[in-house]
Amino acid sequence: GQASVFAPTMADDAPCYRCLYPEPPPPGMV
């Protein structure tokens, strides 16, 4: 399992989920 907090309101340059995983895996891979 994994967990994270993405908080765009707490810093202008705060990372988001797309920063961690820019592209979704191909359909059916997971």
PDB file of all heavy atoms in Angstrom:
ATOM      1  N   GLY A   1       0.824  -1.198   0.000  1.00  0.00           N
ATOM      2  CA  GLY A   1       0.000   0.000   0.000  1.00  0.00           C
ATOM      3  C   GLY A   1       0.857   1.246   0.000  1.00  0.00           C
ATOM      4  O   GLY A   1       2.036   1.212   0.361  1.00  0.00           O
ATOM      5  N   GLN A   2       0.248   2.345  -0.435  1.00  0.00           N
ATOM      6  CA  GLN A   2       0.922   3.634  -0.468  1.00  0.00           C
ATOM      7  C   GLN A   2      -0.067   4.697  -0.028  1.00  0.00           C
ATOM      8  O   GLN A   2      -1.275   4.547  -0.200  1.00  0.00           O
ATOM      9  CB  GLN A   2       1.401   3.975  -1.881  1.00  0.00           C
ATOM     10  CG  GLN A   2       2.362   3.003  -2.493  1.00  0.00           C
ATOM     11  CD  GLN A   2       2.709   3.375  -3.923  1.00  0.00           C
ATOM     12  OE1 GLN A   2       2.436   4.471  -4.386  1.00  0.00           O
ATOM     13  NE2 GLN A   2       3.321   2.439  -4.646  1.00  0.00           N
ATOM     14  N   ALA A   3       0.461   5.789   0.508  1.00  0.00           N
ATOM     15  CA  ALA A   3      -0.373   6.933   0.855  1.00  0.00           C
ATOM     16  C   ALA A   3       0.457   8.196   0.712  1.00  0.00           C
ATOM     17  O   ALA A   3       1.683   8.174   0.897  1.00  0.00           O
ATOM     18  CB  ALA A   3      -0.913   6.809   2.273  1.00  0.00           C
ATOM     19  N   SER A   4      -0.204   9.285   0.392  1.00  0.00           N
ATOM     20  CA  SER A   4       0.478  10.566   0.278  1.00  0.00           C
ATOM     21  C   SER A   4      -0.539  11.690   0.448  1.00  0.00           C
ATOM     22  O   SER A   4      -1.743  11.470   0.336  1.00  0.00           O
ATOM     23  CB  SER A   4       1.177  10.688  -1.086  1.00  0.00           C
ATOM     24  OG  SER A   4       1.942  11.875  -1.141  1.00  0.00           O
ATOM     25  N   VAL A   5      -0.022  12.874   0.700  1.00  0.00           N
ATOM     26  CA  VAL A   5      -0.852  14.076   0.781  1.00  0.00           C
ATOM     27  C   VAL A   5      -0.424  15.011  -0.333  1.00  0.00           C
ATOM     28  O   VAL A   5       0.771  15.276  -0.503  1.00  0.00           O
ATOM     29  CB  VAL A   5      -0.685  14.787   2.144  1.00  0.00           C
ATOM     30  CG1 VAL A   5      -1.541  16.044   2.197  1.00  0.00           C
ATOM     31  CG2 VAL A   5      -1.034  13.846   3.284  1.00  0.00           C
ATOM     32  N   PHE A   6      -1.379  15.498  -1.084  1.00  0.00           N
ATOM     33  CA  PHE A   6      -1.129  16.497  -2.119  1.00  0.00           C
ATOM     34  C   PHE A   6      -1.899  17.742  -1.707  1.00  0.00           C
ATOM     35  O   PHE A   6      -3.118  17.687  -1.540  1.00  0.00           O
ATOM     36  CB  PHE A   6      -1.576  15.988  -3.483  1.00  0.00           C
ATOM     37  CG  PHE A   6      -0.865  14.723  -3.891  1.00  0.00           C
ATOM     38  CD1 PHE A   6      -1.525  13.507  -3.880  1.00  0.00           C
ATOM     39  CD2 PHE A   6       0.469  14.744  -4.251  1.00  0.00           C
ATOM     40  CE1 PHE A   6      -0.876  12.335  -4.242  1.00  0.00           C
ATOM     41  CE2 PHE A   6       1.134  13.577  -4.612  1.00  0.00           C
ATOM     42  CZ  PHE A   6       0.461  12.372  -4.605  1.00  0.00           C
ATOM     43  N   ALA A   7      -1.170  18.835  -1.520  1.00  0.00           N
ATOM     44  CA  ALA A   7      -1.790  20.027  -0.949  1.00  0.00           C
ATOM     45  C   ALA A   7      -1.480  21.264  -1.775  1.00  0.00           C
ATOM     46  O   ALA A   7      -0.607  22.049  -1.424  1.00  0.00           O
ATOM     47  CB  ALA A   7      -1.319  20.202   0.491  1.00  0.00           C
ATOM     48  N   PRO A   8      -2.188  21.459  -2.876  1.00  0.00           N
ATOM     49  CA  PRO A   8      -1.885  22.601  -3.737  1.00  0.00           C
ATOM     50  C   PRO A   8      -2.130  23.941  -3.070  1.00  0.00           C
ATOM     51  O   PRO A   8      -1.601  24.950  -3.502  1.00  0.00           O
ATOM     52  CB  PRO A   8      -2.830  22.401  -4.931  1.00  0.00           C
ATOM     53  CG  PRO A   8      -3.915  21.514  -4.431  1.00  0.00           C
ATOM     54  CD  PRO A   8      -3.281  20.646  -3.393  1.00  0.00           C
ATOM     55  N   THR A   9      -2.912  23.989  -1.990  1.00  0.00           N
ATOM     56  CA  THR A   9      -3.179  25.269  -1.334  1.00  0.00           C
ATOM     57  C   THR A   9      -2.085  25.658  -0.353  1.00  0.00           C
ATOM     58  O   THR A   9      -2.061  26.777   0.114  1.00  0.00           O
ATOM     59  CB  THR A   9      -4.510  25.215  -0.568  1.00  0.00           C
ATOM     60  OG1 THR A   9      -4.441  24.183   0.405  1.00  0.00           O
ATOM     61  CG2 THR A   9      -5.675  24.988  -1.495  1.00  0.00           C
ATOM     62  N   MET A  10      -1.200  24.736  -0.013  1.00  0.00           N
ATOM     63  CA  MET A  10      -0.191  25.021   1.004  1.00  0.00           C
ATOM     64  C   MET A  10       1.117  25.547   0.413  1.00  0.00           C
ATOM     65  O   MET A  10       1.955  26.045   1.128  1.00  0.00           O
ATOM     66  CB  MET A  10       0.058  23.775   1.851  1.00  0.00           C
ATOM     67  CG  MET A  10      -1.164  23.384   2.648  1.00  0.00           C
ATOM     68  SD  MET A  10      -0.885  21.892   3.580  1.00  0.00           S
ATOM     69  CE  MET A  10      -2.558  21.480   4.043  1.00  0.00           C
ATOM     70  N   ALA A  11       1.315  25.426  -0.870  1.00  0.00           N
ATOM     71  CA  ALA A  11       2.497  25.970  -1.536  1.00  0.00           C
ATOM     72  C   ALA A  11       2.198  26.063  -3.033  1.00  0.00           C
ATOM     73  O   ALA A  11       1.609  25.172  -3.603  1.00  0.00           O
ATOM     74  CB  ALA A  11       3.716  25.073  -1.294  1.00  0.00           C
ATOM     75  N   ASP A  12       2.609  27.151  -3.646  1.00  0.00           N
ATOM     76  CA  ASP A  12       2.289  27.355  -5.052  1.00  0.00           C
ATOM     77  C   ASP A  12       2.870  26.278  -5.954  1.00  0.00           C
ATOM     78  O   ASP A  12       2.297  25.925  -6.979  1.00  0.00           O
ATOM     79  CB  ASP A  12       2.787  28.727  -5.515  1.00  0.00           C
ATOM     80  CG  ASP A  12       1.985  29.856  -4.894  1.00  0.00           C
ATOM     81  OD1 ASP A  12       0.828  29.604  -4.489  1.00  0.00           O
ATOM     82  OD2 ASP A  12       2.515  30.957  -4.817  1.00  0.00           O
ATOM     83  N   ASP A  13       4.039  25.761  -5.585  1.00  0.00           N
ATOM     84  CA  ASP A  13       4.684  24.766  -6.429  1.00  0.00           C
ATOM     85  C   ASP A  13       4.557  23.359  -5.852  1.00  0.00           C
ATOM     86  O   ASP A  13       5.380  22.487  -6.114  1.00  0.00           O
ATOM     87  CB  ASP A  13       6.154  25.122  -6.642  1.00  0.00           C
ATOM     88  CG  ASP A  13       6.924  25.194  -5.321  1.00  0.00           C
ATOM     89  OD1 ASP A  13       6.276  25.161  -4.255  1.00  0.00           O
ATOM     90  OD2 ASP A  13       8.161  25.292  -5.364  1.00  0.00           O
ATOM     91  N   ALA A  14       3.513  23.127  -5.045  1.00  0.00           N
ATOM     92  CA  ALA A  14       3.339  21.820  -4.425  1.00  0.00           C
ATOM     93  C   ALA A  14       3.106  20.751  -5.487  1.00  0.00           C
ATOM     94  O   ALA A  14       2.404  20.983  -6.464  1.00  0.00           O
ATOM     95  CB  ALA A  14       2.163  21.849  -3.453  1.00  0.00           C
ATOM     96  N   PRO A  15       3.699  19.570  -5.310  1.00  0.00           N
ATOM     97  CA  PRO A  15       3.516  18.498  -6.285  1.00  0.00           C
ATOM     98  C   PRO A  15       2.114  17.901  -6.203  1.00  0.00           C
ATOM     99  O   PRO A  15       1.415  18.055  -5.200  1.00  0.00           O
ATOM    100  CB  PRO A  15       4.572  17.470  -5.890  1.00  0.00           C
ATOM    101  CG  PRO A  15       4.796  17.711  -4.438  1.00  0.00           C
ATOM    102  CD  PRO A  15       4.596  19.182  -4.225  1.00  0.00           C
ATOM    103  N   CYS A  16       1.725  17.209  -7.259  1.00  0.00           N
ATOM    104  CA  CYS A  16       0.432  16.532  -7.300  1.00  0.00           C
ATOM    105  C   CYS A  16       0.646  15.073  -7.733  1.00  0.00           C
ATOM    106  O   CYS A  16       1.770  14.648  -7.971  1.00  0.00           O
ATOM    107  CB  CYS A  16      -0.527  17.250  -8.250  1.00  0.00           C
ATOM    108  SG  CYS A  16      -0.075  17.136  -9.998  1.00  0.00           S
ATOM    109  N   TYR A  17      -0.437  14.337  -7.839  1.00  0.00           N
ATOM    110  CA  TYR A  17      -0.359  12.922  -8.201  1.00  0.00           C
ATOM    111  C   TYR A  17       0.308  12.743  -9.574  1.00  0.00           C
ATOM    112  O   TYR A  17       1.083  11.811  -9.770  1.00  0.00           O
ATOM    113  CB  TYR A  17      -1.763  12.319  -8.201  1.00  0.00           C
ATOM    114  CG  TYR A  17      -1.808  10.840  -8.506  1.00  0.00           C
ATOM    115  CD1 TYR A  17      -1.475   9.894  -7.543  1.00  0.00           C
ATOM    116  CD2 TYR A  17      -2.200  10.380  -9.761  1.00  0.00           C
ATOM    117  CE1 TYR A  17      -1.529   8.541  -7.811  1.00  0.00           C
ATOM    118  CE2 TYR A  17      -2.255   9.023 -10.035  1.00  0.00           C
ATOM    119  CZ  TYR A  17      -1.915   8.113  -9.070  1.00  0.00           C
ATOM    120  OH  TYR A  17      -1.963   6.769  -9.353  1.00  0.00           O
ATOM    121  N   ARG A  18       0.035  13.647 -10.493  1.00  0.00           N
ATOM    122  CA  ARG A  18       0.641  13.550 -11.835  1.00  0.00           C
ATOM    123  C   ARG A  18       2.156  13.773 -11.785  1.00  0.00           C
ATOM    124  O   ARG A  18       2.868  13.332 -12.671  1.00  0.00           O
ATOM    125  CB  ARG A  18      -0.004  14.542 -12.791  1.00  0.00           C
ATOM    126  CG  ARG A  18      -1.365  14.120 -13.274  1.00  0.00           C
ATOM    127  CD  ARG A  18      -1.881  15.064 -14.370  1.00  0.00           C
ATOM    128  NE  ARG A  18      -3.237  14.739 -14.756  1.00  0.00           N
ATOM    129  CZ  ARG A  18      -3.567  13.835 -15.675  1.00  0.00           C
ATOM    130  NH1 ARG A  18      -2.617  13.163 -16.312  1.00  0.00           N
ATOM    131  NH2 ARG A  18      -4.830  13.611 -15.971  1.00  0.00           N
ATOM    132  N   CYS A  19       2.638  14.486 -10.768  1.00  0.00           N
ATOM    133  CA  CYS A  19       4.082  14.649 -10.607  1.00  0.00           C
ATOM    134  C   CYS A  19       4.720  13.319 -10.195  1.00  0.00           C
ATOM    135  O   CYS A  19       5.831  12.997 -10.624  1.00  0.00           O
ATOM    136  CB  CYS A  19       4.385  15.701  -9.550  1.00  0.00           C
ATOM    137  SG  CYS A  19       3.762  17.346  -9.940  1.00  0.00           S
ATOM    138  N   LEU A  20       3.998  12.564  -9.378  1.00  0.00           N
ATOM    139  CA  LEU A  20       4.489  11.272  -8.914  1.00  0.00           C
ATOM    140  C   LEU A  20       4.363  10.212  -9.997  1.00  0.00           C
ATOM    141  O   LEU A  20       5.276   9.417 -10.227  1.00  0.00           O
ATOM    142  CB  LEU A  20       3.696  10.849  -7.664  1.00  0.00           C
ATOM    143  CG  LEU A  20       4.141   9.615  -6.909  1.00  0.00           C
ATOM    144  CD1 LEU A  20       5.557   9.759  -6.387  1.00  0.00           C
ATOM    145  CD2 LEU A  20       3.171   9.342  -5.748  1.00  0.00           C
ATOM    146  N   TYR A  21       3.212  10.201 -10.657  1.00  0.00           N
ATOM    147  CA  TYR A  21       2.921   9.242 -11.729  1.00  0.00           C
ATOM    148  C   TYR A  21       2.406  10.010 -12.943  1.00  0.00           C
ATOM    149  O   TYR A  21       1.192  10.180 -13.101  1.00  0.00           O
ATOM    150  CB  TYR A  21       1.882   8.213 -11.280  1.00  0.00           C
ATOM    151  CG  TYR A  21       2.307   7.379 -10.100  1.00  0.00           C
ATOM    152  CD1 TYR A  21       1.732   7.552  -8.844  1.00  0.00           C
ATOM    153  CD2 TYR A  21       3.307   6.418 -10.238  1.00  0.00           C
ATOM    154  CE1 TYR A  21       2.126   6.788  -7.765  1.00  0.00           C
ATOM    155  CE2 TYR A  21       3.713   5.651  -9.167  1.00  0.00           C
ATOM    156  CZ  TYR A  21       3.125   5.844  -7.929  1.00  0.00           C
ATOM    157  OH  TYR A  21       3.533   5.085  -6.847  1.00  0.00           O
ATOM    158  N   PRO A  22       3.298  10.481 -13.816  1.00  0.00           N
ATOM    159  CA  PRO A  22       2.874  11.322 -14.939  1.00  0.00           C
ATOM    160  C   PRO A  22       1.899  10.641 -15.905  1.00  0.00           C
ATOM    161  O   PRO A  22       1.009  11.282 -16.447  1.00  0.00           O
ATOM    162  CB  PRO A  22       4.186  11.656 -15.659  1.00  0.00           C
ATOM    163  CG  PRO A  22       5.249  11.463 -14.632  1.00  0.00           C
ATOM    164  CD  PRO A  22       4.762  10.373 -13.730  1.00  0.00           C
ATOM    165  N   GLU A  23       2.059   9.332 -16.084  1.00  0.00           N
ATOM    166  CA  GLU A  23       1.207   8.613 -17.034  1.00  0.00           C
ATOM    167  C   GLU A  23       0.578   7.395 -16.365  1.00  0.00           C
ATOM    168  O   GLU A  23       1.262   6.673 -15.631  1.00  0.00           O
ATOM    169  CB  GLU A  23       2.029   8.138 -18.240  1.00  0.00           C
ATOM    170  CG  GLU A  23       2.624   9.251 -19.075  1.00  0.00           C
ATOM    171  CD  GLU A  23       1.584  10.033 -19.841  1.00  0.00           C
ATOM    172  OE1 GLU A  23       0.532   9.441 -20.181  1.00  0.00           O
ATOM    173  OE2 GLU A  23       1.810  11.228 -20.080  1.00  0.00           O
ATOM    174  N   PRO A  24      -0.707   7.154 -16.629  1.00  0.00           N
ATOM    175  CA  PRO A  24      -1.305   5.930 -16.085  1.00  0.00           C
ATOM    176  C   PRO A  24      -0.740   4.698 -16.784  1.00  0.00           C
ATOM    177  O   PRO A  24      -0.277   4.790 -17.930  1.00  0.00           O
ATOM    178  CB  PRO A  24      -2.796   6.096 -16.390  1.00  0.00           C
ATOM    179  CG  PRO A  24      -2.864   7.065 -17.515  1.00  0.00           C
ATOM    180  CD  PRO A  24      -1.660   7.958 -17.395  1.00  0.00           C
ATOM    181  N   PRO A  25      -0.750   3.559 -16.114  1.00  0.00           N
ATOM    182  CA  PRO A  25      -0.285   2.336 -16.773  1.00  0.00           C
ATOM    183  C   PRO A  25      -1.237   1.952 -17.896  1.00  0.00           C
ATOM    184  O   PRO A  25      -2.410   2.347 -17.886  1.00  0.00           O
ATOM    185  CB  PRO A  25      -0.301   1.296 -15.651  1.00  0.00           C
ATOM    186  CG  PRO A  25      -1.283   1.809 -14.668  1.00  0.00           C
ATOM    187  CD  PRO A  25      -1.226   3.298 -14.750  1.00  0.00           C
ATOM    188  N   PRO A  26      -0.762   1.187 -18.852  1.00  0.00           N
ATOM    189  CA  PRO A  26      -1.641   0.754 -19.944  1.00  0.00           C
ATOM    190  C   PRO A  26      -2.826  -0.042 -19.398  1.00  0.00           C
ATOM    191  O   PRO A  26      -2.698  -0.737 -18.380  1.00  0.00           O
ATOM    192  CB  PRO A  26      -0.740  -0.140 -20.810  1.00  0.00           C
ATOM    193  CG  PRO A  26       0.651   0.217 -20.438  1.00  0.00           C
ATOM    194  CD  PRO A  26       0.609   0.693 -19.010  1.00  0.00           C
ATOM    195  N   PRO A  27      -3.990   0.048 -20.039  1.00  0.00           N
ATOM    196  CA  PRO A  27      -5.165  -0.703 -19.578  1.00  0.00           C
ATOM    197  C   PRO A  27      -4.863  -2.191 -19.466  1.00  0.00           C
ATOM    198  O   PRO A  27      -4.216  -2.779 -20.333  1.00  0.00           O
ATOM    199  CB  PRO A  27      -6.210  -0.443 -20.671  1.00  0.00           C
ATOM    200  CG  PRO A  27      -5.778   0.833 -21.310  1.00  0.00           C
ATOM    201  CD  PRO A  27      -4.280   0.859 -21.222  1.00  0.00           C
ATOM    202  N   GLY A  28      -5.287  -2.800 -18.356  1.00  0.00           N
ATOM    203  CA  GLY A  28      -5.105  -4.228 -18.140  1.00  0.00           C
ATOM    204  C   GLY A  28      -3.783  -4.618 -17.511  1.00  0.00           C
ATOM    205  O   GLY A  28      -3.586  -5.770 -17.136  1.00  0.00           O
ATOM    206  N   MET A  29      -2.863  -3.660 -17.372  1.00  0.00           N
ATOM    207  CA  MET A  29      -1.542  -3.998 -16.814  1.00  0.00           C
ATOM    208  C   MET A  29      -1.629  -4.255 -15.303  1.00  0.00           C
ATOM    209  O   MET A  29      -0.928  -5.126 -14.773  1.00  0.00           O
ATOM    210  CB  MET A  29      -0.545  -2.880 -17.090  1.00  0.00           C
ATOM    211  CG  MET A  29       0.850  -3.192 -16.599  1.00  0.00           C
ATOM    212  SD  MET A  29       1.979  -1.873 -17.048  1.00  0.00           S
ATOM    213  CE  MET A  29       3.451  -2.424 -16.222  1.00  0.00           C
ATOM    214  N   VAL A  30      -2.449  -3.498 -14.603  1.00  0.00           N
ATOM    215  CA  VAL A  30      -2.596  -3.645 -13.149  1.00  0.00           C
ATOM    216  C   VAL A  30      -3.990  -4.194 -12.864  1.00  0.00           C
ATOM    217  O   VAL A  30      -4.983  -3.524 -13.127  1.00  0.00           O
ATOM    218  CB  VAL A  30      -2.396  -2.300 -12.428  1.00  0.00           C
ATOM    219  CG1 VAL A  30      -2.549  -2.479 -10.922  1.00  0.00           C
ATOM    220  CG2 VAL A  30      -1.032  -1.713 -12.757  1.00  0.00           C
TER     221      VAL A  30
END
